[in-house]
């Protein structure tokens, strides 16, 4: 394995986030109690899937109609539903999600019947069979997509599309210079599935008072391509063919205490 020295100048990048009071208010708004559904924007019907133990929204729950319309809850547990021909009538939504379960009927089907109406809200409770709770997607487009369509608040520092990132894999993260340094492999961008396959990186502050609450989302600041600010930057810009992934991300200090990232 060869060692690659990453940028010592990373600390010069400013990691801006919203104020603590704004984050607190948004988190409280996202975690509305199941018995107090919020007002949502028409023409959408809001469906929120929550953990029956905590009342917290569950992301990535699949809802499937009889004619195979497939929907997935966003990171606050919301779906914004508006389907021509299915509004104002009873609709069956099959429910499935690894680690969570809805009671089965006599035929073994697990689902709920709802009557979608513009501006209305339905709360569906799932039983968690996993010990761990699923919190949210960290990367990708539309992390809080349905919440935004419904006119609901979303966490500060989590845009619907961050520097063009549609999705990523192979995450690594280490503590570095009073924050976190993040590293990924394949990164899909809107213009092509392998939008960047020469390593993507970002920074974020450490969670805590005055920065952000980790239960609602991570405010990632990606290294952007100077030629295309709406795209992430290849962190190993070389003309060598093929994909370049970095592994074994490590933070080392020299005798003077200066930090250097190696991979």
Protein backbone atom coordinates (compact mmCIF):
# COMPACT_ATOMS: atom_id res chain seq x y z
CA UNK A 1 0.00 0.00 0.00
CA UNK A 2 1.23 3.48 -0.72
CA UNK A 3 0.67 6.39 1.60
CA UNK A 4 -1.11 9.49 0.33
CA UNK A 5 -0.79 12.73 2.26
CA UNK A 6 -3.98 14.73 2.35
CA UNK A 7 -4.27 18.47 2.49
CA UNK A 8 -2.73 20.15 5.57
CA UNK A 9 -4.68 23.28 4.65
CA UNK A 10 -8.03 21.71 5.45
CA UNK A 11 -8.24 23.63 8.70
CA UNK A 12 -8.39 26.84 6.70
CA UNK A 13 -11.84 25.91 5.44
CA UNK A 14 -14.62 27.42 7.51
CA UNK A 15 -17.30 25.03 8.71
CA UNK A 16 -20.38 27.22 8.93
CA UNK A 17 -23.62 25.96 10.58
CA UNK A 18 -26.82 27.49 11.86
CA UNK A 19 -27.19 28.77 15.39
CA UNK A 20 -27.99 26.31 18.19
CA UNK A 21 -31.36 27.90 18.86
CA UNK A 22 -32.42 27.43 15.22
CA UNK A 23 -31.31 23.79 15.22
CA UNK A 24 -33.17 23.11 18.47
CA UNK A 25 -36.37 24.60 17.12
CA UNK A 26 -36.13 22.60 13.89
CA UNK A 27 -35.47 19.34 15.71
CA UNK A 28 -38.45 19.94 17.98
CA UNK A 29 -40.60 20.68 14.94
CA UNK A 30 -39.45 17.48 13.23
CA UNK A 31 -40.28 15.37 16.29
CA UNK A 32 -43.93 16.43 16.60
CA UNK A 33 -45.84 14.08 18.85
CA UNK A 34 -47.93 11.52 17.05
CA UNK A 35 -51.14 12.84 18.63
CA UNK A 36 -50.50 16.39 17.38
CA UNK A 37 -50.08 16.16 13.60
CA UNK A 38 -48.84 19.37 11.96
CA UNK A 39 -50.44 21.27 9.13
CA UNK A 40 -49.10 20.21 5.74
CA UNK A 41 -49.14 21.91 2.36
CA UNK A 42 -51.81 21.06 -0.21
CA UNK A 43 -52.26 19.28 -2.57
CA UNK A 44 -50.26 16.66 -0.65
CA UNK A 45 -51.52 14.11 1.85
CA UNK A 46 -48.93 13.66 4.60
CA UNK A 47 -48.15 10.15 5.84
CA UNK A 48 -45.75 9.93 8.76
CA UNK A 49 -44.34 6.59 9.89
CA UNK A 50 -43.09 6.67 13.48
CA UNK A 51 -41.41 4.34 15.94
CA UNK A 52 -44.20 3.31 18.34
CA UNK A 53 -41.75 3.35 21.26
CA UNK A 54 -40.31 6.83 20.74
CA UNK A 55 -42.69 8.66 18.38
CA UNK A 56 -39.70 9.53 16.19
CA UNK A 57 -40.07 9.39 12.40
CA UNK A 58 -38.60 6.29 10.75
CA UNK A 59 -36.72 6.85 7.46
CA UNK A 60 -36.57 4.46 4.49
CA UNK A 61 -39.83 2.67 5.21
CA UNK A 62 -41.37 1.28 2.03
CA UNK A 63 -45.05 1.90 1.33
CA UNK A 64 -46.48 0.02 -1.65
CA UNK A 65 -49.93 0.36 -3.20
CA UNK A 66 -51.94 -2.46 -4.78
CA UNK A 67 -50.80 -1.31 -8.25
CA UNK A 68 -47.12 -1.27 -7.20
CA UNK A 69 -46.59 2.44 -6.60
CA UNK A 70 -43.57 2.37 -4.29
CA UNK A 71 -42.82 5.19 -1.84
CA UNK A 72 -40.11 5.62 0.80
CA UNK A 73 -40.25 7.81 3.88
CA UNK A 74 -37.70 10.62 4.10
CA UNK A 75 -35.36 11.05 7.06
CA UNK A 76 -38.14 12.53 9.21
CA UNK A 77 -40.46 9.61 8.41
CA UNK A 78 -42.68 11.60 6.01
CA UNK A 79 -44.22 10.79 2.65
CA UNK A 80 -45.86 13.50 0.54
CA UNK A 81 -48.60 11.63 -1.33
CA UNK A 82 -50.49 13.07 -4.31
CA UNK A 83 -51.53 10.46 -6.83
CA UNK A 84 -54.19 11.15 -9.48
CA UNK A 85 -57.08 8.72 -9.13
CA UNK A 86 -56.25 7.71 -5.57
CA UNK A 87 -57.12 10.89 -3.67
CA UNK A 88 -60.33 10.90 -1.64
CA UNK A 89 -60.76 7.12 -1.58
CA UNK A 90 -59.54 4.31 0.65
CA UNK A 91 -56.07 3.11 -0.39
CA UNK A 92 -54.11 0.14 0.94
CA UNK A 93 -50.41 0.77 1.65
CA UNK A 94 -48.23 -2.26 2.29
CA UNK A 95 -45.55 -1.52 4.90
CA UNK A 96 -42.08 -3.04 5.04
CA UNK A 97 -38.73 -2.02 6.50
CA UNK A 98 -35.86 -4.14 7.90
CA UNK A 99 -35.83 -3.92 11.69
CA UNK A 100 -39.43 -2.66 11.92
CA UNK A 101 -42.73 -4.50 11.65
CA UNK A 102 -46.45 -3.82 11.19
CA UNK A 103 -49.04 -6.40 12.37
CA UNK A 104 -50.14 -8.95 9.76
CA UNK A 105 -53.78 -9.55 8.83
CA UNK A 106 -55.40 -12.96 8.32
CA UNK A 107 -53.75 -13.35 4.91
CA UNK A 108 -50.31 -12.40 6.19
CA UNK A 109 -50.37 -8.95 4.59
CA UNK A 110 -48.80 -6.14 6.58
CA UNK A 111 -50.26 -2.78 5.69
CA UNK A 112 -52.68 0.01 6.48
CA UNK A 113 -55.74 1.51 4.78
CA UNK A 114 -55.77 5.29 4.52
CA UNK A 115 -57.95 7.84 2.72
CA UNK A 116 -55.64 10.45 1.17
CA UNK A 117 -56.95 14.01 1.25
CA UNK A 118 -55.10 17.27 0.40
CA UNK A 119 -53.69 18.91 3.53
CA UNK A 120 -54.57 15.97 5.78
CA UNK A 121 -52.13 13.88 7.85
CA UNK A 122 -52.06 10.22 8.91
CA UNK A 123 -49.69 8.80 11.54
CA UNK A 124 -48.66 5.15 11.23
CA UNK A 125 -46.85 3.44 14.14
CA UNK A 126 -44.31 0.68 13.50
CA UNK A 127 -42.98 -1.72 16.10
CA UNK A 128 -39.18 -1.76 16.22
CA UNK A 129 -37.70 -5.26 16.40
CA UNK A 130 -34.10 -4.06 16.12
CA UNK A 131 -32.33 -2.81 19.22
CA UNK A 132 -30.89 0.12 17.28
CA UNK A 133 -33.02 2.96 15.89
CA UNK A 134 -32.63 4.09 12.30
CA UNK A 135 -31.99 7.83 12.35
CA UNK A 136 -31.50 9.33 8.84
CA UNK A 137 -29.52 9.29 5.62
CA UNK A 138 -26.26 11.22 5.95
CA UNK A 139 -25.58 11.73 2.23
CA UNK A 140 -27.50 11.93 -1.02
CA UNK A 141 -30.22 13.99 -2.65
CA UNK A 142 -33.59 14.60 -0.97
CA UNK A 143 -32.73 13.55 2.58
CA UNK A 144 -35.75 15.56 3.79
CA UNK A 145 -37.52 15.68 0.39
CA UNK A 146 -41.06 14.90 1.51
CA UNK A 147 -40.84 17.19 4.53
CA UNK A 148 -40.02 20.06 2.18
CA UNK A 149 -42.86 19.20 -0.20
CA UNK A 150 -45.23 19.18 2.77
CA UNK A 151 -43.99 22.61 3.91
CA UNK A 152 -42.45 21.27 7.13
CA UNK A 153 -39.17 22.54 8.63
CA UNK A 154 -35.94 20.64 7.98
CA UNK A 155 -32.62 20.65 9.88
CA UNK A 156 -30.14 23.44 9.25
CA UNK A 157 -27.06 22.48 7.25
CA UNK A 158 -28.76 19.57 5.43
CA UNK A 159 -29.67 20.84 1.92
CA UNK A 160 -31.76 18.81 -0.52
CA UNK A 161 -28.71 18.51 -2.80
CA UNK A 162 -25.28 19.11 -1.29
CA UNK A 163 -22.56 19.88 -3.88
CA UNK A 164 -24.28 17.57 -6.37
CA UNK A 165 -23.97 14.39 -4.28
CA UNK A 166 -26.69 11.88 -5.22
CA UNK A 167 -25.29 9.04 -3.11
CA UNK A 168 -22.02 7.60 -1.80
CA UNK A 169 -20.45 4.46 -0.39
CA UNK A 170 -17.46 3.27 1.69
CA UNK A 171 -17.51 6.02 4.31
CA UNK A 172 -14.59 6.66 6.67
CA UNK A 173 -14.31 9.44 9.25
CA UNK A 174 -11.63 10.54 11.71
CA UNK A 175 -11.33 13.38 14.18
CA UNK A 176 -9.13 16.09 12.68
CA UNK A 177 -8.31 19.64 13.82
CA UNK A 178 -11.34 20.28 16.07
CA UNK A 179 -13.72 18.63 13.64
CA UNK A 180 -14.34 15.51 11.60
CA UNK A 181 -12.80 14.63 8.23
CA UNK A 182 -14.97 12.37 6.01
CA UNK A 183 -13.90 10.20 3.07
CA UNK A 184 -16.02 8.23 0.52
CA UNK A 185 -15.48 6.03 -2.51
CA UNK A 186 -17.93 6.09 -5.44
CA UNK A 187 -19.98 9.28 -5.56
CA UNK A 188 -22.96 9.54 -7.88
CA UNK A 189 -23.59 12.97 -9.41
CA UNK A 190 -26.66 14.13 -11.37
CA UNK A 191 -24.89 13.96 -14.74
CA UNK A 192 -23.49 10.38 -14.40
CA UNK A 193 -23.61 7.42 -11.98
CA UNK A 194 -19.81 7.46 -11.52
CA UNK A 195 -19.67 11.22 -11.21
CA UNK A 196 -16.54 11.07 -9.06
CA UNK A 197 -14.63 7.84 -8.61
CA UNK A 198 -11.36 9.34 -7.41
CA UNK A 199 -12.36 9.83 -3.77
CA UNK A 200 -14.68 12.46 -2.25
CA UNK A 201 -14.09 14.26 1.05
CA UNK A 202 -15.90 16.63 3.39
CA UNK A 203 -15.53 18.20 6.82
CA UNK A 204 -17.99 18.75 9.63
CA UNK A 205 -17.82 20.14 13.16
CA UNK A 206 -17.94 17.84 16.15
CA UNK A 207 -21.48 17.37 17.51
CA UNK A 208 -22.35 19.12 20.73
CA UNK A 209 -23.63 22.39 22.21
CA UNK A 210 -23.20 25.25 19.76
CA UNK A 211 -22.62 23.00 16.72
CA UNK A 212 -25.27 20.42 15.82
CA UNK A 213 -27.34 17.61 17.29
CA UNK A 214 -26.35 14.29 15.72
CA UNK A 215 -29.85 12.83 15.93
CA UNK A 216 -31.15 15.11 13.13
CA UNK A 217 -28.38 15.23 10.49
CA UNK A 218 -24.73 16.03 9.81
CA UNK A 219 -23.85 19.44 8.24
CA UNK A 220 -21.28 18.23 5.70
CA UNK A 221 -19.09 20.74 3.86
CA UNK A 222 -17.73 19.01 0.77
CA UNK A 223 -14.55 19.94 -1.04
CA UNK A 224 -15.91 21.39 -4.29
CA UNK A 225 -14.39 21.27 -7.77
CA UNK A 226 -13.03 24.80 -8.51
CA UNK A 227 -14.14 24.44 -12.15
CA UNK A 228 -17.63 23.23 -11.19
CA UNK A 229 -18.59 24.54 -7.73
CA UNK A 230 -21.80 22.52 -7.85
CA UNK A 231 -19.79 19.28 -7.99
CA UNK A 232 -17.49 17.58 -5.50
CA UNK A 233 -13.75 17.64 -6.07
CA UNK A 234 -11.69 14.54 -6.96
CA UNK A 235 -9.34 14.29 -3.97
CA UNK A 236 -6.74 12.28 -5.94
CA UNK A 237 -6.61 14.18 -9.26
CA UNK A 238 -4.51 11.94 -11.48
CA UNK A 239 -4.60 10.87 -15.10
CA UNK A 240 -4.11 7.23 -14.16
CA UNK A 241 -7.00 5.10 -15.46
CA UNK A 242 -9.52 3.40 -13.21
CA UNK A 243 -11.08 4.11 -9.84
CA UNK A 244 -9.02 5.41 -6.93
CA UNK A 245 -10.28 4.72 -3.43
CA UNK A 246 -8.47 5.63 -0.22
CA UNK A 247 -8.68 3.40 2.86
CA UNK A 248 -7.14 3.29 6.31
CA UNK A 249 -7.74 6.98 6.96
CA UNK A 250 -5.54 7.91 9.93
CA UNK A 251 -4.69 11.10 11.81
CA UNK A 252 -1.06 11.30 12.94
CA UNK A 253 0.83 13.96 14.91
CA UNK A 254 4.45 14.93 14.46
CA UNK A 255 6.75 15.69 17.46
CA UNK A 256 5.48 19.29 17.44
CA UNK A 257 1.84 18.19 17.67
CA UNK A 258 0.92 19.09 14.08
CA UNK A 259 -1.78 16.86 12.60
CA UNK A 260 -1.48 15.15 9.22
CA UNK A 261 -3.98 12.83 7.52
CA UNK A 262 -2.64 9.66 5.90
CA UNK A 263 -4.39 7.02 3.83
